[in-house]
Amino acid sequence: MKSLIRTLVVVSALAAPAVVFAQETQPLTRAQVRAELVELEHAGYNPMDYYYAESLQAAEAKIARQHELDAQAESGSKQVMFQAEAHSPLNVTRK
C-alpha cells in the first residue's frame, strides 16, 4: 500500500508541471494574429515577395530587436524613477 501511495505522489509531482504548462498556452485570437501581421508588415515583411521566408525572418529579427530595446528602455526608466524617489525630499524618515 505504501508503494502505491509513493508511486501516486511521484507521478502526480511529475505530471503537475505538464498540466500547468498546458494551461498557459492559449490559442491566438483573430485580433492578435492581425496585430502581429501588421507589426510584421511595418517591419518590412511583404508576403507577396518572392523571398518571403527571408523577408519574414528579417522582419521578425527587427521586431525582436525593437522589443528588446523597448524592454531595456522601460527598465531604465523604472530605475531612474526609483532613484528619483529615493532622493526625493518627501522621502524623509523620522527618528
C-alpha atoms as a PDB file:
ATOM      1  CA  MET A   1       0.000   0.000   0.000  1.00  0.00           C
ATOM      2  CA  LYS A   2       2.824   2.390   0.850  1.00  0.00           C
ATOM      3  CA  SER A   3       4.493   1.768  -2.511  1.00  0.00           C
ATOM      4  CA  LEU A   4       1.215   2.591  -4.290  1.00  0.00           C
ATOM      5  CA  ILE A   5       0.923   5.892  -2.418  1.00  0.00           C
ATOM      6  CA  ARG A   6       4.551   6.738  -3.144  1.00  0.00           C
ATOM      7  CA  THR A   7       4.043   5.924  -6.811  1.00  0.00           C
ATOM      8  CA  LEU A   8       0.951   8.144  -6.988  1.00  0.00           C
ATOM      9  CA  VAL A   9       2.774  11.016  -5.292  1.00  0.00           C
ATOM     10  CA  VAL A  10       5.750  10.734  -7.653  1.00  0.00           C
ATOM     11  CA  VAL A  11       3.526  10.504 -10.735  1.00  0.00           C
ATOM     12  CA  SER A  12       1.423  13.480  -9.672  1.00  0.00           C
ATOM     13  CA  ALA A  13       4.545  15.522  -8.908  1.00  0.00           C
ATOM     14  CA  LEU A  14       5.929  14.757 -12.350  1.00  0.00           C
ATOM     15  CA  ALA A  15       2.616  15.446 -14.111  1.00  0.00           C
ATOM     16  CA  ALA A  16       1.920  18.793 -12.382  1.00  0.00           C
ATOM     17  CA  PRO A  17       4.348  20.891 -14.478  1.00  0.00           C
ATOM     18  CA  ALA A  18       2.923  19.449 -17.697  1.00  0.00           C
ATOM     19  CA  VAL A  19      -0.598  20.425 -16.659  1.00  0.00           C
ATOM     20  CA  VAL A  20       0.486  23.937 -15.696  1.00  0.00           C
ATOM     21  CA  PHE A  21       2.337  24.390 -18.981  1.00  0.00           C
ATOM     22  CA  ALA A  22      -0.688  23.197 -20.936  1.00  0.00           C
ATOM     23  CA  GLN A  23      -2.865  25.814 -19.266  1.00  0.00           C
ATOM     24  CA  GLU A  24      -0.502  28.665 -20.181  1.00  0.00           C
ATOM     25  CA  THR A  25      -0.684  28.061 -23.914  1.00  0.00           C
ATOM     26  CA  GLN A  26      -3.814  29.663 -25.276  1.00  0.00           C
ATOM     27  CA  PRO A  27      -4.672  29.856 -28.968  1.00  0.00           C
ATOM     28  CA  LEU A  28      -4.220  33.270 -30.515  1.00  0.00           C
ATOM     29  CA  THR A  29      -7.299  35.327 -31.215  1.00  0.00           C
ATOM     30  CA  ARG A  30      -8.024  36.762 -34.628  1.00  0.00           C
ATOM     31  CA  ALA A  31      -7.182  40.244 -33.359  1.00  0.00           C
ATOM     32  CA  GLN A  32      -3.791  39.067 -32.052  1.00  0.00           C
ATOM     33  CA  VAL A  33      -2.936  37.466 -35.394  1.00  0.00           C
ATOM     34  CA  ARG A  34      -3.923  40.634 -37.270  1.00  0.00           C
ATOM     35  CA  ALA A  35      -1.846  42.768 -34.898  1.00  0.00           C
ATOM     36  CA  GLU A  36       1.191  40.517 -35.425  1.00  0.00           C
ATOM     37  CA  LEU A  37       0.758  40.693 -39.206  1.00  0.00           C
ATOM     38  CA  VAL A  38       0.511  44.491 -39.121  1.00  0.00           C
ATOM     39  CA  GLU A  39       3.619  44.657 -36.934  1.00  0.00           C
ATOM     40  CA  LEU A  40       5.498  42.392 -39.373  1.00  0.00           C
ATOM     41  CA  GLU A  41       4.428  44.487 -42.350  1.00  0.00           C
ATOM     42  CA  HIS A  42       5.593  47.678 -40.597  1.00  0.00           C
ATOM     43  CA  ALA A  43       8.946  45.965 -40.038  1.00  0.00           C
ATOM     44  CA  GLY A  44       9.303  45.344 -43.766  1.00  0.00           C
ATOM     45  CA  TYR A  45       7.668  41.956 -44.315  1.00  0.00           C
ATOM     46  CA  ASN A  46       5.922  41.531 -47.650  1.00  0.00           C
ATOM     47  CA  PRO A  47       4.025  38.240 -48.058  1.00  0.00           C
ATOM     48  CA  MET A  48       3.976  38.718 -51.845  1.00  0.00           C
ATOM     49  CA  ASP A  49       7.777  38.910 -52.019  1.00  0.00           C
ATOM     50  CA  TYR A  50       9.426  36.036 -53.889  1.00  0.00           C
ATOM     51  CA  TYR A  51      11.847  35.593 -50.996  1.00  0.00           C
ATOM     52  CA  TYR A  52       9.100  35.743 -48.360  1.00  0.00           C
ATOM     53  CA  ALA A  53      10.899  33.414 -45.925  1.00  0.00           C
ATOM     54  CA  GLU A  54      13.968  35.650 -45.736  1.00  0.00           C
ATOM     55  CA  SER A  55      11.727  38.710 -45.565  1.00  0.00           C
ATOM     56  CA  LEU A  56       9.795  37.169 -42.680  1.00  0.00           C
ATOM     57  CA  GLN A  57      12.948  36.245 -40.776  1.00  0.00           C
ATOM     58  CA  ALA A  58      14.413  39.722 -41.240  1.00  0.00           C
ATOM     59  CA  ALA A  59      11.179  41.366 -40.047  1.00  0.00           C
ATOM     60  CA  GLU A  60      10.962  39.054 -37.022  1.00  0.00           C
ATOM     61  CA  ALA A  61      14.581  39.845 -36.117  1.00  0.00           C
ATOM     62  CA  LYS A  62      13.886  43.561 -36.434  1.00  0.00           C
ATOM     63  CA  ILE A  63      10.811  43.269 -34.209  1.00  0.00           C
ATOM     64  CA  ALA A  64      12.726  41.223 -31.636  1.00  0.00           C
ATOM     65  CA  ARG A  65      15.476  43.869 -31.500  1.00  0.00           C
ATOM     66  CA  GLN A  66      12.859  46.607 -31.111  1.00  0.00           C
ATOM     67  CA  HIS A  67      11.097  44.736 -28.298  1.00  0.00           C
ATOM     68  CA  GLU A  68      14.448  44.204 -26.586  1.00  0.00           C
ATOM     69  CA  LEU A  69      15.273  47.913 -26.853  1.00  0.00           C
ATOM     70  CA  ASP A  70      11.807  48.809 -25.536  1.00  0.00           C
ATOM     71  CA  ALA A  71      12.282  46.472 -22.561  1.00  0.00           C
ATOM     72  CA  GLN A  72      15.695  47.971 -21.800  1.00  0.00           C
ATOM     73  CA  ALA A  73      14.313  51.497 -22.028  1.00  0.00           C
ATOM     74  CA  GLU A  74      11.408  50.575 -19.754  1.00  0.00           C
ATOM     75  CA  SER A  75      13.677  49.021 -17.139  1.00  0.00           C
ATOM     76  CA  GLY A  76      15.988  52.034 -17.376  1.00  0.00           C
ATOM     77  CA  SER A  77      13.122  54.468 -16.831  1.00  0.00           C
ATOM     78  CA  LYS A  78      11.928  52.456 -13.841  1.00  0.00           C
ATOM     79  CA  GLN A  79      15.415  52.559 -12.397  1.00  0.00           C
ATOM     80  CA  VAL A  80      15.606  56.343 -12.891  1.00  0.00           C
ATOM     81  CA  MET A  81      12.213  56.772 -11.223  1.00  0.00           C
ATOM     82  CA  PHE A  82      13.329  54.599  -8.299  1.00  0.00           C
ATOM     83  CA  GLN A  83      16.471  56.658  -7.864  1.00  0.00           C
ATOM     84  CA  ALA A  84      14.486  59.895  -8.070  1.00  0.00           C
ATOM     85  CA  GLU A  85      12.074  58.663  -5.400  1.00  0.00           C
ATOM     86  CA  ALA A  86      14.969  57.668  -3.164  1.00  0.00           C
ATOM     87  CA  HIS A  87      16.426  61.193  -3.345  1.00  0.00           C
ATOM     88  CA  SER A  88      13.107  62.964  -3.084  1.00  0.00           C
ATOM     89  CA  PRO A  89      12.736  65.461  -0.229  1.00  0.00           C
ATOM     90  CA  LEU A  90       9.382  63.867   0.536  1.00  0.00           C
ATOM     91  CA  ASN A  91      11.096  60.565   1.260  1.00  0.00           C
ATOM     92  CA  VAL A  92      12.275  61.538   4.736  1.00  0.00           C
ATOM     93  CA  THR A  93      12.233  59.110   7.604  1.00  0.00           C
ATOM     94  CA  ARG A  94      11.783  60.376  11.145  1.00  0.00           C
ATOM     95  CA  LYS A  95      13.777  59.058  14.015  1.00  0.00           C
END
